[in-house]
Structures are given as C-alpha cells and as structure tokens.
Amino acid sequence: QVQLVESGGGLVQPGASLRLSCAASGFTFSIYAMSWYRQAPGKERELVARSVSAGGSTNYADSVKGRFTISRDNAKNTVYLQMNSLEPKDTAVYYCNAGSPKFGYWGQGTQVTVSS
C-alpha cells in the first residue's frame, strides 16, 4: 500500500534550520510530482514547494523563496525540504504529498515550531 512518512520536524529558534524528509513507498516515486504543504492553526493548508520530477522544475510559495529548498532522491524514494532562516510564521504541520492535492497521496504530517 502507499505510504508517505515524514520526519525531521521539531522545535527550533528563529533563524535556525531544519531538514524534513518524506520516505515514500507503494508507488512509482520517480514519475510523481512531490510537494510539501503546511497547515498552521486556524489556517488552510497551503503549498510550500513542489518538485515535478528529479532534475525537473520546482516552484515555491513566495513566503519561502530563497529560504526553503525542495529536493528528491529517486534512488531512495525520498523527498526533502531544507528550511533555512526559519521564522515564527513558518510554524505549522508540514505534509508530504505525491501527485496532486485532490487525488494524490498524503503523509501524516510533522510538526515544525519556530519559537524563542
């Protein structure tokens, strides 16, 4: 069965870095677009970053451009989100998505809290 397992979240101070990982199984990872979404309390889930395919195009929410980088390793069926210069507004549950938000697969989420 399809599984997406996120890891790497935690509590950090403003300005710190974190790297999230999403290990995928149960589908042909290399042909799927992979994305990271986040949802803060009381807010809708929003797209953070998307990778169409390894070596292909990526796109980012304006709020994270220049700070976050999405990457993927098709050999390991894993997608990453490197988050630098974290800010309190980045606090949210971060979700991995394969395919599309409406018809794709979702992980269970990992909490990222940025606070001093």
PDB file of N, CA and C in Angstrom:
ATOM      1  N   GLN A   1       0.838  -1.178   0.000  1.00  0.00           N
ATOM      2  CA  GLN A   1       0.000   0.000   0.000  1.00  0.00           C
ATOM      3  C   GLN A   1       0.886   1.245   0.000  1.00  0.00           C
ATOM      4  N   VAL A   2       0.279   2.360  -0.377  1.00  0.00           N
ATOM      5  CA  VAL A   2       1.027   3.605  -0.445  1.00  0.00           C
ATOM      6  C   VAL A   2       1.308   4.124   0.958  1.00  0.00           C
ATOM      7  N   GLN A   3       2.547   4.544   1.157  1.00  0.00           N
ATOM      8  CA  GLN A   3       2.927   5.169   2.416  1.00  0.00           C
ATOM      9  C   GLN A   3       3.824   6.359   2.159  1.00  0.00           C
ATOM     10  N   LEU A   4       3.545   7.434   2.878  1.00  0.00           N
ATOM     11  CA  LEU A   4       4.412   8.611   2.906  1.00  0.00           C
ATOM     12  C   LEU A   4       4.674   8.902   4.378  1.00  0.00           C
ATOM     13  N   VAL A   5       5.933   8.847   4.763  1.00  0.00           N
ATOM     14  CA  VAL A   5       6.283   9.021   6.172  1.00  0.00           C
ATOM     15  C   VAL A   5       7.235  10.201   6.315  1.00  0.00           C
ATOM     16  N   GLU A   6       6.718  11.262   6.930  1.00  0.00           N
ATOM     17  CA  GLU A   6       7.532  12.459   7.145  1.00  0.00           C
ATOM     18  C   GLU A   6       8.327  12.345   8.442  1.00  0.00           C
ATOM     19  N   SER A   7       9.455  13.009   8.469  1.00  0.00           N
ATOM     20  CA  SER A   7      10.263  13.096   9.684  1.00  0.00           C
ATOM     21  C   SER A   7      11.100  14.364   9.624  1.00  0.00           C
ATOM     22  N   GLY A   8      11.672  14.723  10.766  1.00  0.00           N
ATOM     23  CA  GLY A   8      12.588  15.856  10.808  1.00  0.00           C
ATOM     24  C   GLY A   8      12.037  17.119  11.440  1.00  0.00           C
ATOM     25  N   GLY A   9      10.763  17.110  11.790  1.00  0.00           N
ATOM     26  CA  GLY A   9      10.190  18.292  12.424  1.00  0.00           C
ATOM     27  C   GLY A   9      10.714  18.465  13.843  1.00  0.00           C
ATOM     28  N   GLY A  10      10.358  19.595  14.450  1.00  0.00           N
ATOM     29  CA  GLY A  10      10.784  19.831  15.816  1.00  0.00           C
ATOM     30  C   GLY A  10      10.586  21.266  16.217  1.00  0.00           C
ATOM     31  N   LEU A  11      11.107  21.588  17.404  1.00  0.00           N
ATOM     32  CA  LEU A  11      11.049  22.941  17.941  1.00  0.00           C
ATOM     33  C   LEU A  11      12.415  23.589  17.773  1.00  0.00           C
ATOM     34  N   VAL A  12      12.438  24.728  17.086  1.00  0.00           N
ATOM     35  CA  VAL A  12      13.690  25.441  16.867  1.00  0.00           C
ATOM     36  C   VAL A  12      13.488  26.925  17.120  1.00  0.00           C
ATOM     37  N   GLN A  13      14.598  27.612  17.298  1.00  0.00           N
ATOM     38  CA  GLN A  13      14.555  29.060  17.485  1.00  0.00           C
ATOM     39  C   GLN A  13      14.544  29.774  16.140  1.00  0.00           C
ATOM     40  N   PRO A  14      14.051  30.991  16.094  1.00  0.00           N
ATOM     41  CA  PRO A  14      14.109  31.777  14.847  1.00  0.00           C
ATOM     42  C   PRO A  14      15.532  31.862  14.317  1.00  0.00           C
ATOM     43  N   GLY A  15      15.644  31.713  12.999  1.00  0.00           N
ATOM     44  CA  GLY A  15      16.946  31.744  12.353  1.00  0.00           C
ATOM     45  C   GLY A  15      17.583  30.383  12.163  1.00  0.00           C
ATOM     46  N   ALA A  16      17.028  29.376  12.805  1.00  0.00           N
ATOM     47  CA  ALA A  16      17.593  28.030  12.710  1.00  0.00           C
ATOM     48  C   ALA A  16      17.186  27.355  11.404  1.00  0.00           C
ATOM     49  N   SER A  17      17.729  26.167  11.211  1.00  0.00           N
ATOM     50  CA  SER A  17      17.430  25.360  10.028  1.00  0.00           C
ATOM     51  C   SER A  17      16.898  24.001  10.439  1.00  0.00           C
ATOM     52  N   LEU A  18      16.102  23.429   9.563  1.00  0.00           N
ATOM     53  CA  LEU A  18      15.620  22.053   9.711  1.00  0.00           C
ATOM     54  C   LEU A  18      15.568  21.432   8.330  1.00  0.00           C
ATOM     55  N   ARG A  19      15.721  20.119   8.294  1.00  0.00           N
ATOM     56  CA  ARG A  19      15.500  19.398   7.050  1.00  0.00           C
ATOM     57  C   ARG A  19      14.439  18.339   7.281  1.00  0.00           C
ATOM     58  N   LEU A  20      13.362  18.462   6.533  1.00  0.00           N
ATOM     59  CA  LEU A  20      12.302  17.468   6.581  1.00  0.00           C
ATOM     60  C   LEU A  20      12.563  16.399   5.524  1.00  0.00           C
ATOM     61  N   SER A  21      12.183  15.183   5.856  1.00  0.00           N
ATOM     62  CA  SER A  21      12.281  14.079   4.914  1.00  0.00           C
ATOM     63  C   SER A  21      10.920  13.422   4.771  1.00  0.00           C
ATOM     64  N   CYS A  22      10.670  12.891   3.595  1.00  0.00           N
ATOM     65  CA  CYS A  22       9.436  12.132   3.351  1.00  0.00           C
ATOM     66  C   CYS A  22       9.821  10.869   2.589  1.00  0.00           C
ATOM     67  N   ALA A  23       9.719   9.739   3.260  1.00  0.00           N
ATOM     68  CA  ALA A  23      10.043   8.463   2.647  1.00  0.00           C
ATOM     69  C   ALA A  23       8.777   7.861   2.050  1.00  0.00           C
ATOM     70  N   ALA A  24       8.845   7.522   0.770  1.00  0.00           N
ATOM     71  CA  ALA A  24       7.671   7.052   0.046  1.00  0.00           C
ATOM     72  C   ALA A  24       7.806   5.573  -0.312  1.00  0.00           C
ATOM     73  N   SER A  25       6.684   4.895  -0.384  1.00  0.00           N
ATOM     74  CA  SER A  25       6.668   3.505  -0.820  1.00  0.00           C
ATOM     75  C   SER A  25       5.293   3.177  -1.368  1.00  0.00           C
ATOM     76  N   GLY A  26       5.238   2.131  -2.190  1.00  0.00           N
ATOM     77  CA  GLY A  26       3.961   1.657  -2.692  1.00  0.00           C
ATOM     78  C   GLY A  26       3.511   2.249  -4.010  1.00  0.00           C
ATOM     79  N   PHE A  27       4.332   3.078  -4.623  1.00  0.00           N
ATOM     80  CA  PHE A  27       4.014   3.633  -5.931  1.00  0.00           C
ATOM     81  C   PHE A  27       5.323   3.994  -6.623  1.00  0.00           C
ATOM     82  N   THR A  28       5.233   4.317  -7.908  1.00  0.00           N
ATOM     83  CA  THR A  28       6.437   4.623  -8.690  1.00  0.00           C
ATOM     84  C   THR A  28       6.845   6.063  -8.428  1.00  0.00           C
ATOM     85  N   PHE A  29       7.675   6.221  -7.439  1.00  0.00           N
ATOM     86  CA  PHE A  29       8.032   7.535  -6.927  1.00  0.00           C
ATOM     87  C   PHE A  29       8.574   8.459  -8.023  1.00  0.00           C
ATOM     88  N   SER A  30       9.397   7.944  -8.900  1.00  0.00           N
ATOM     89  CA  SER A  30      10.129   8.791  -9.847  1.00  0.00           C
ATOM     90  C   SER A  30       9.224   9.533 -10.817  1.00  0.00           C
ATOM     91  N   ILE A  31       8.027   9.042 -11.049  1.00  0.00           N
ATOM     92  CA  ILE A  31       7.173   9.676 -12.042  1.00  0.00           C
ATOM     93  C   ILE A  31       6.155  10.624 -11.410  1.00  0.00           C
ATOM     94  N   TYR A  32       6.161  10.683 -10.092  1.00  0.00           N
ATOM     95  CA  TYR A  32       5.193  11.528  -9.395  1.00  0.00           C
ATOM     96  C   TYR A  32       5.786  12.891  -9.069  1.00  0.00           C
ATOM     97  N   ALA A  33       4.987  13.938  -9.241  1.00  0.00           N
ATOM     98  CA  ALA A  33       5.316  15.213  -8.654  1.00  0.00           C
ATOM     99  C   ALA A  33       5.216  15.069  -7.137  1.00  0.00           C
ATOM    100  N   MET A  34       6.169  15.650  -6.444  1.00  0.00           N
ATOM    101  CA  MET A  34       6.177  15.585  -4.981  1.00  0.00           C
ATOM    102  C   MET A  34       6.154  16.996  -4.421  1.00  0.00           C
ATOM    103  N   SER A  35       5.370  17.179  -3.387  1.00  0.00           N
ATOM    104  CA  SER A  35       5.183  18.516  -2.836  1.00  0.00           C
ATOM    105  C   SER A  35       5.206  18.478  -1.323  1.00  0.00           C
ATOM    106  N   TRP A  36       5.492  19.642  -0.770  1.00  0.00           N
ATOM    107  CA  TRP A  36       5.329  19.875   0.663  1.00  0.00           C
ATOM    108  C   TRP A  36       4.248  20.939   0.843  1.00  0.00           C
ATOM    109  N   TYR A  37       3.319  20.639   1.719  1.00  0.00           N
ATOM    110  CA  TYR A  37       2.286  21.584   2.123  1.00  0.00           C
ATOM    111  C   TYR A  37       2.446  21.837   3.620  1.00  0.00           C
ATOM    112  N   ARG A  38       1.815  22.886   4.085  1.00  0.00           N
ATOM    113  CA  ARG A  38       1.794  23.121   5.530  1.00  0.00           C
ATOM    114  C   ARG A  38       0.442  23.698   5.933  1.00  0.00           C
ATOM    115  N   GLN A  39       0.116  23.470   7.182  1.00  0.00           N
ATOM    116  CA  GLN A  39      -1.137  23.995   7.721  1.00  0.00           C
ATOM    117  C   GLN A  39      -0.887  24.508   9.124  1.00  0.00           C
ATOM    118  N   ALA A  40      -1.099  25.797   9.286  1.00  0.00           N
ATOM    119  CA  ALA A  40      -0.972  26.423  10.596  1.00  0.00           C
ATOM    120  C   ALA A  40      -2.331  26.412  11.285  1.00  0.00           C
ATOM    121  N   PRO A  41      -2.358  26.506  12.603  1.00  0.00           N
ATOM    122  CA  PRO A  41      -3.638  26.503  13.318  1.00  0.00           C
ATOM    123  C   PRO A  41      -4.570  27.598  12.817  1.00  0.00           C
ATOM    124  N   GLY A  42      -5.796  27.208  12.495  1.00  0.00           N
ATOM    125  CA  GLY A  42      -6.792  28.161  12.050  1.00  0.00           C
ATOM    126  C   GLY A  42      -6.643  28.612  10.620  1.00  0.00           C
ATOM    127  N   LYS A  43      -5.712  28.027   9.895  1.00  0.00           N
ATOM    128  CA  LYS A  43      -5.491  28.433   8.510  1.00  0.00           C
ATOM    129  C   LYS A  43      -5.655  27.240   7.577  1.00  0.00           C
ATOM    130  N   GLU A  44      -5.846  27.538   6.299  1.00  0.00           N
ATOM    131  CA  GLU A  44      -5.965  26.475   5.309  1.00  0.00           C
ATOM    132  C   GLU A  44      -4.593  25.903   4.965  1.00  0.00           C
ATOM    133  N   ARG A  45      -4.623  24.664   4.506  1.00  0.00           N
ATOM    134  CA  ARG A  45      -3.390  24.049   4.059  1.00  0.00           C
ATOM    135  C   ARG A  45      -2.888  24.787   2.820  1.00  0.00           C
ATOM    136  N   GLU A  46      -1.582  25.054   2.761  1.00  0.00           N
ATOM    137  CA  GLU A  46      -1.020  25.787   1.639  1.00  0.00           C
ATOM    138  C   GLU A  46       0.195  25.069   1.068  1.00  0.00           C
ATOM    139  N   LEU A  47       0.386  25.250  -0.231  1.00  0.00           N
ATOM    140  CA  LEU A  47       1.551  24.677  -0.903  1.00  0.00           C
ATOM    141  C   LEU A  47       2.797  25.445  -0.488  1.00  0.00           C
ATOM    142  N   VAL A  48       3.824  24.702  -0.116  1.00  0.00           N
ATOM    143  CA  VAL A  48       5.106  25.301   0.237  1.00  0.00           C
ATOM    144  C   VAL A  48       6.094  25.168  -0.916  1.00  0.00           C
ATOM    145  N   ALA A  49       6.226  23.947  -1.431  1.00  0.00           N
ATOM    146  CA  ALA A  49       7.187  23.702  -2.502  1.00  0.00           C
ATOM    147  C   ALA A  49       6.772  22.466  -3.276  1.00  0.00           C
ATOM    148  N   ARG A  50       7.153  22.451  -4.547  1.00  0.00           N
ATOM    149  CA  ARG A  50       6.757  21.339  -5.419  1.00  0.00           C
ATOM    150  C   ARG A  50       7.907  20.984  -6.341  1.00  0.00           C
ATOM    151  N   SER A  51       8.115  19.699  -6.501  1.00  0.00           N
ATOM    152  CA  SER A  51       9.129  19.188  -7.419  1.00  0.00           C
ATOM    153  C   SER A  51       8.426  18.304  -8.436  1.00  0.00           C
ATOM    154  N   VAL A  52       8.496  18.711  -9.710  1.00  0.00           N
ATOM    155  CA  VAL A  52       7.788  17.946 -10.729  1.00  0.00           C
ATOM    156  C   VAL A  52       8.439  16.582 -10.910  1.00  0.00           C
ATOM    157  N   SER A  53       9.751  16.545 -10.983  1.00  0.00           N
ATOM    158  CA  SER A  53      10.478  15.283 -11.098  1.00  0.00           C
ATOM    159  C   SER A  53      11.936  15.573 -10.824  1.00  0.00           C
ATOM    160  N   ALA A  54      12.720  14.543 -10.631  1.00  0.00           N
ATOM    161  CA  ALA A  54      14.143  14.742 -10.367  1.00  0.00           C
ATOM    162  C   ALA A  54      14.773  15.492 -11.534  1.00  0.00           C
ATOM    163  N   GLY A  55      15.438  16.575 -11.233  1.00  0.00           N
ATOM    164  CA  GLY A  55      16.065  17.382 -12.271  1.00  0.00           C
ATOM    165  C   GLY A  55      15.108  18.265 -13.020  1.00  0.00           C
ATOM    166  N   GLY A  56      13.850  18.187 -12.669  1.00  0.00           N
ATOM    167  CA  GLY A  56      12.836  18.990 -13.340  1.00  0.00           C
ATOM    168  C   GLY A  56      12.541  20.272 -12.606  1.00  0.00           C
ATOM    169  N   SER A  57      11.430  20.838 -12.912  1.00  0.00           N
ATOM    170  CA  SER A  57      11.112  22.146 -12.360  1.00  0.00           C
ATOM    171  C   SER A  57      10.675  22.053 -10.906  1.00  0.00           C
ATOM    172  N   THR A  58      10.915  23.140 -10.203  1.00  0.00           N
ATOM    173  CA  THR A  58      10.448  23.284  -8.839  1.00  0.00           C
ATOM    174  C   THR A  58       9.756  24.634  -8.726  1.00  0.00           C
ATOM    175  N   ASN A  59       8.831  24.712  -7.804  1.00  0.00           N
ATOM    176  CA  ASN A  59       8.258  26.022  -7.516  1.00  0.00           C
ATOM    177  C   ASN A  59       7.967  26.132  -6.037  1.00  0.00           C
ATOM    178  N   TYR A  60       7.904  27.370  -5.592  1.00  0.00           N
ATOM    179  CA  TYR A  60       7.835  27.673  -4.164  1.00  0.00           C
ATOM    180  C   TYR A  60       6.786  28.747  -3.890  1.00  0.00           C
ATOM    181  N   ALA A  61       6.237  28.680  -2.704  1.00  0.00           N
ATOM    182  CA  ALA A  61       5.415  29.784  -2.233  1.00  0.00           C
ATOM    183  C   ALA A  61       6.306  31.014  -2.067  1.00  0.00           C
ATOM    184  N   ASP A  62       5.751  32.178  -2.351  1.00  0.00           N
ATOM    185  CA  ASP A  62       6.531  33.410  -2.235  1.00  0.00           C
ATOM    186  C   ASP A  62       7.125  33.581  -0.838  1.00  0.00           C
ATOM    187  N   SER A  63       6.395  33.112   0.152  1.00  0.00           N
ATOM    188  CA  SER A  63       6.815  33.308   1.544  1.00  0.00           C
ATOM    189  C   SER A  63       8.062  32.524   1.922  1.00  0.00           C
ATOM    190  N   VAL A  64       8.429  31.528   1.099  1.00  0.00           N
ATOM    191  CA  VAL A  64       9.595  30.697   1.446  1.00  0.00           C
ATOM    192  C   VAL A  64      10.707  30.776   0.425  1.00  0.00           C
ATOM    193  N   LYS A  65      10.481  31.494  -0.666  1.00  0.00           N
ATOM    194  CA  LYS A  65      11.505  31.592  -1.707  1.00  0.00           C
ATOM    195  C   LYS A  65      12.802  32.152  -1.139  1.00  0.00           C
ATOM    196  N   GLY A  66      13.894  31.498  -1.497  1.00  0.00           N
ATOM    197  CA  GLY A  66      15.200  31.923  -1.003  1.00  0.00           C
ATOM    198  C   GLY A  66      15.572  31.350   0.343  1.00  0.00           C
ATOM    199  N   ARG A  67      14.615  30.757   1.037  1.00  0.00           N
ATOM    200  CA  ARG A  67      14.890  30.163   2.353  1.00  0.00           C
ATOM    201  C   ARG A  67      14.738  28.641   2.352  1.00  0.00           C
ATOM    202  N   PHE A  68      13.785  28.128   1.588  1.00  0.00           N
ATOM    203  CA  PHE A  68      13.487  26.701   1.551  1.00  0.00           C
ATOM    204  C   PHE A  68      13.924  26.122   0.203  1.00  0.00           C
ATOM    205  N   THR A  69      14.356  24.873   0.244  1.00  0.00           N
ATOM    206  CA  THR A  69      14.733  24.164  -0.973  1.00  0.00           C
ATOM    207  C   THR A  69      14.153  22.757  -0.946  1.00  0.00           C
ATOM    208  N   ILE A  70      13.436  22.412  -2.006  1.00  0.00           N
ATOM    209  CA  ILE A  70      12.924  21.045  -2.137  1.00  0.00           C
ATOM    210  C   ILE A  70      13.877  20.255  -3.014  1.00  0.00           C
ATOM    211  N   SER A  71      14.105  19.021  -2.634  1.00  0.00           N
ATOM    212  CA  SER A  71      14.943  18.141  -3.443  1.00  0.00           C
ATOM    213  C   SER A  71      14.412  16.716  -3.298  1.00  0.00           C
ATOM    214  N   ARG A  72      14.837  15.856  -4.187  1.00  0.00           N
ATOM    215  CA  ARG A  72      14.370  14.482  -4.146  1.00  0.00           C
ATOM    216  C   ARG A  72      15.476  13.545  -4.564  1.00  0.00           C
ATOM    217  N   ASP A  73      15.434  12.351  -4.027  1.00  0.00           N
ATOM    218  CA  ASP A  73      16.362  11.291  -4.378  1.00  0.00           C
ATOM    219  C   ASP A  73      15.526  10.114  -4.858  1.00  0.00           C
ATOM    220  N   ASN A  74      15.444   9.944  -6.159  1.00  0.00           N
ATOM    221  CA  ASN A  74      14.609   8.880  -6.704  1.00  0.00           C
ATOM    222  C   ASN A  74      15.140   7.492  -6.346  1.00  0.00           C
ATOM    223  N   ALA A  75      16.437   7.382  -6.115  1.00  0.00           N
ATOM    224  CA  ALA A  75      17.005   6.086  -5.733  1.00  0.00           C
ATOM    225  C   ALA A  75      16.559   5.679  -4.337  1.00  0.00           C
ATOM    226  N   LYS A  76      16.280   6.671  -3.493  1.00  0.00           N
ATOM    227  CA  LYS A  76      15.856   6.385  -2.117  1.00  0.00           C
ATOM    228  C   LYS A  76      14.361   6.609  -1.922  1.00  0.00           C
ATOM    229  N   ASN A  77      13.653   6.991  -2.989  1.00  0.00           N
ATOM    230  CA  ASN A  77      12.213   7.272  -2.879  1.00  0.00           C
ATOM    231  C   ASN A  77      11.923   8.269  -1.757  1.00  0.00           C
ATOM    232  N   THR A  78      12.718   9.309  -1.718  1.00  0.00           N
ATOM    233  CA  THR A  78      12.613  10.282  -0.635  1.00  0.00           C
ATOM    234  C   THR A  78      12.653  11.699  -1.192  1.00  0.00           C
ATOM    235  N   VAL A  79      11.809  12.532  -0.627  1.00  0.00           N
ATOM    236  CA  VAL A  79      11.811  13.950  -0.945  1.00  0.00           C
ATOM    237  C   VAL A  79      12.158  14.717   0.332  1.00  0.00           C
ATOM    238  N   TYR A  80      12.891  15.802   0.149  1.00  0.00           N
ATOM    239  CA  TYR A  80      13.381  16.584   1.278  1.00  0.00           C
ATOM    240  C   TYR A  80      12.890  18.027   1.186  1.00  0.00           C
ATOM    241  N   LEU A  81      12.854  18.669   2.320  1.00  0.00           N
ATOM    242  CA  LEU A  81      12.620  20.104   2.361  1.00  0.00           C
ATOM    243  C   LEU A  81      13.647  20.703   3.317  1.00  0.00           C
ATOM    244  N   GLN A  82      14.623  21.384   2.750  1.00  0.00           N
ATOM    245  CA  GLN A  82      15.610  22.089   3.559  1.00  0.00           C
ATOM    246  C   GLN A  82      15.053  23.462   3.887  1.00  0.00           C
ATOM    247  N   MET A  83      14.937  23.756   5.165  1.00  0.00           N
ATOM    248  CA  MET A  83      14.348  25.017   5.610  1.00  0.00           C
ATOM    249  C   MET A  83      15.403  25.799   6.388  1.00  0.00           C
ATOM    250  N   ASN A  84      15.766  26.939   5.853  1.00  0.00           N
ATOM    251  CA  ASN A  84      16.755  27.804   6.493  1.00  0.00           C
ATOM    252  C   ASN A  84      16.093  29.106   6.942  1.00  0.00           C
ATOM    253  N   SER A  85      16.776  29.800   7.822  1.00  0.00           N
ATOM    254  CA  SER A  85      16.282  31.098   8.321  1.00  0.00           C
ATOM    255  C   SER A  85      14.824  31.021   8.742  1.00  0.00           C
ATOM    256  N   LEU A  86      14.522  30.018   9.534  1.00  0.00           N
ATOM    257  CA  LEU A  86      13.140  29.808   9.950  1.00  0.00           C
ATOM    258  C   LEU A  86      12.616  30.979  10.763  1.00  0.00           C
ATOM    259  N   GLU A  87      11.334  31.242  10.572  1.00  0.00           N
ATOM    260  CA  GLU A  87      10.653  32.349  11.244  1.00  0.00           C
ATOM    261  C   GLU A  87       9.433  31.793  11.978  1.00  0.00           C
ATOM    262  N   PRO A  88       8.970  32.511  13.001  1.00  0.00           N
ATOM    263  CA  PRO A  88       7.779  32.031  13.714  1.00  0.00           C
ATOM    264  C   PRO A  88       6.597  31.785  12.792  1.00  0.00           C
ATOM    265  N   LYS A  89       6.470  32.538  11.714  1.00  0.00           N
ATOM    266  CA  LYS A  89       5.349  32.343  10.790  1.00  0.00           C
ATOM    267  C   LYS A  89       5.443  31.020  10.031  1.00  0.00           C
ATOM    268  N   ASP A  90       6.575  30.348  10.103  1.00  0.00           N
ATOM    269  CA  ASP A  90       6.721  29.033   9.473  1.00  0.00           C
ATOM    270  C   ASP A  90       6.160  27.907  10.349  1.00  0.00           C
ATOM    271  N   THR A  91       5.742  28.224  11.537  1.00  0.00           N
ATOM    272  CA  THR A  91       5.176  27.223  12.439  1.00  0.00           C
ATOM    273  C   THR A  91       3.921  26.622  11.839  1.00  0.00           C
ATOM    274  N   ALA A  92       3.919  25.300  11.702  1.00  0.00           N
ATOM    275  CA  ALA A  92       2.793  24.599  11.074  1.00  0.00           C
ATOM    276  C   ALA A  92       3.068  23.099  11.118  1.00  0.00           C
ATOM    277  N   VAL A  93       2.050  22.347  10.751  1.00  0.00           N
ATOM    278  CA  VAL A  93       2.255  20.934  10.454  1.00  0.00           C
ATOM    279  C   VAL A  93       2.573  20.846   8.966  1.00  0.00           C
ATOM    280  N   TYR A  94       3.671  20.171   8.661  1.00  0.00           N
ATOM    281  CA  TYR A  94       4.133  20.045   7.282  1.00  0.00           C
ATOM    282  C   TYR A  94       3.782  18.662   6.758  1.00  0.00           C
ATOM    283  N   TYR A  95       3.169  18.639   5.573  1.00  0.00           N
ATOM    284  CA  TYR A  95       2.704  17.407   4.967  1.00  0.00           C
ATOM    285  C   TYR A  95       3.400  17.159   3.632  1.00  0.00           C
ATOM    286  N   CYS A  96       3.695  15.934   3.396  1.00  0.00           N
ATOM    287  CA  CYS A  96       4.227  15.491   2.115  1.00  0.00           C
ATOM    288  C   CYS A  96       3.056  15.039   1.238  1.00  0.00           C
ATOM    289  N   ASN A  97       3.116  15.374  -0.038  1.00  0.00           N
ATOM    290  CA  ASN A  97       2.067  14.982  -0.980  1.00  0.00           C
ATOM    291  C   ASN A  97       2.693  14.416  -2.238  1.00  0.00           C
ATOM    292  N   ALA A  98       2.106  13.342  -2.730  1.00  0.00           N
ATOM    293  CA  ALA A  98       2.524  12.757  -4.007  1.00  0.00           C
ATOM    294  C   ALA A  98       1.378  12.901  -4.993  1.00  0.00           C
ATOM    295  N   GLY A  99       1.682  13.452  -6.156  1.00  0.00           N
ATOM    296  CA  GLY A  99       0.655  13.610  -7.176  1.00  0.00           C
ATOM    297  C   GLY A  99       0.011  14.975  -7.082  1.00  0.00           C
ATOM    298  N   SER A 100      -1.241  15.008  -6.740  1.00  0.00           N
ATOM    299  CA  SER A 100      -1.970  16.269  -6.638  1.00  0.00           C
ATOM    300  C   SER A 100      -2.670  16.337  -5.295  1.00  0.00           C
ATOM    301  N   PRO A 101      -2.991  17.557  -4.854  1.00  0.00           N
ATOM    302  CA  PRO A 101      -3.640  17.656  -3.535  1.00  0.00           C
ATOM    303  C   PRO A 101      -5.009  17.002  -3.485  1.00  0.00           C
ATOM    304  N   LYS A 102      -5.704  16.953  -4.615  1.00  0.00           N
ATOM    305  CA  LYS A 102      -7.046  16.400  -4.612  1.00  0.00           C
ATOM    306  C   LYS A 102      -7.060  14.893  -4.792  1.00  0.00           C
ATOM    307  N   PHE A 103      -6.204  14.385  -5.640  1.00  0.00           N
ATOM    308  CA  PHE A 103      -6.252  12.963  -5.988  1.00  0.00           C
ATOM    309  C   PHE A 103      -5.006  12.188  -5.572  1.00  0.00           C
ATOM    310  N   GLY A 104      -4.056  12.861  -4.974  1.00  0.00           N
ATOM    311  CA  GLY A 104      -2.795  12.198  -4.654  1.00  0.00           C
ATOM    312  C   GLY A 104      -2.784  11.588  -3.273  1.00  0.00           C
ATOM    313  N   TYR A 105      -1.566  11.323  -2.805  1.00  0.00           N
ATOM    314  CA  TYR A 105      -1.360  10.674  -1.520  1.00  0.00           C
ATOM    315  C   TYR A 105      -0.777  11.676  -0.529  1.00  0.00           C
ATOM    316  N   TRP A 106      -1.103  11.450   0.752  1.00  0.00           N
ATOM    317  CA  TRP A 106      -0.642  12.341   1.809  1.00  0.00           C
ATOM    318  C   TRP A 106       0.054  11.570   2.916  1.00  0.00           C
ATOM    319  N   GLY A 107       1.036  12.207   3.520  1.00  0.00           N
ATOM    320  CA  GLY A 107       1.621  11.689   4.732  1.00  0.00           C
ATOM    321  C   GLY A 107       0.832  12.158   5.940  1.00  0.00           C
ATOM    322  N   GLN A 108       1.316  11.737   7.123  1.00  0.00           N
ATOM    323  CA  GLN A 108       0.594  12.056   8.343  1.00  0.00           C
ATOM    324  C   GLN A 108       0.957  13.420   8.906  1.00  0.00           C
ATOM    325  N   GLY A 109       2.033  14.003   8.411  1.00  0.00           N
ATOM    326  CA  GLY A 109       2.449  15.327   8.835  1.00  0.00           C
ATOM    327  C   GLY A 109       3.502  15.291   9.928  1.00  0.00           C
ATOM    328  N   THR A 110       4.296  16.353   9.968  1.00  0.00           N
ATOM    329  CA  THR A 110       5.290  16.520  11.017  1.00  0.00           C
ATOM    330  C   THR A 110       5.247  17.975  11.497  1.00  0.00           C
ATOM    331  N   GLN A 111       5.278  18.149  12.803  1.00  0.00           N
ATOM    332  CA  GLN A 111       5.127  19.475  13.381  1.00  0.00           C
ATOM    333  C   GLN A 111       6.447  20.229  13.342  1.00  0.00           C
ATOM    334  N   VAL A 112       6.376  21.459  12.869  1.00  0.00           N
ATOM    335  CA  VAL A 112       7.512  22.384  12.939  1.00  0.00           C
ATOM    336  C   VAL A 112       7.073  23.585  13.753  1.00  0.00           C
ATOM    337  N   THR A 113       7.805  23.866  14.809  1.00  0.00           N
ATOM    338  CA  THR A 113       7.507  25.005  15.668  1.00  0.00           C
ATOM    339  C   THR A 113       8.743  25.886  15.757  1.00  0.00           C
ATOM    340  N   VAL A 114       8.559  27.154  15.413  1.00  0.00           N
ATOM    341  CA  VAL A 114       9.661  28.116  15.464  1.00  0.00           C
ATOM    342  C   VAL A 114       9.326  29.142  16.541  1.00  0.00           C
ATOM    343  N   SER A 115      10.076  29.112  17.601  1.00  0.00           N
ATOM    344  CA  SER A 115       9.767  29.976  18.736  1.00  0.00           C
ATOM    345  C   SER A 115      11.017  30.212  19.563  1.00  0.00           C
ATOM    346  N   SER A 116      11.094  31.416  20.124  1.00  0.00           N
ATOM    347  CA  SER A 116      12.200  31.716  21.019  1.00  0.00           C
ATOM    348  C   SER A 116      11.800  31.463  22.473  1.00  0.00           C
TER     349      SER A 116
END
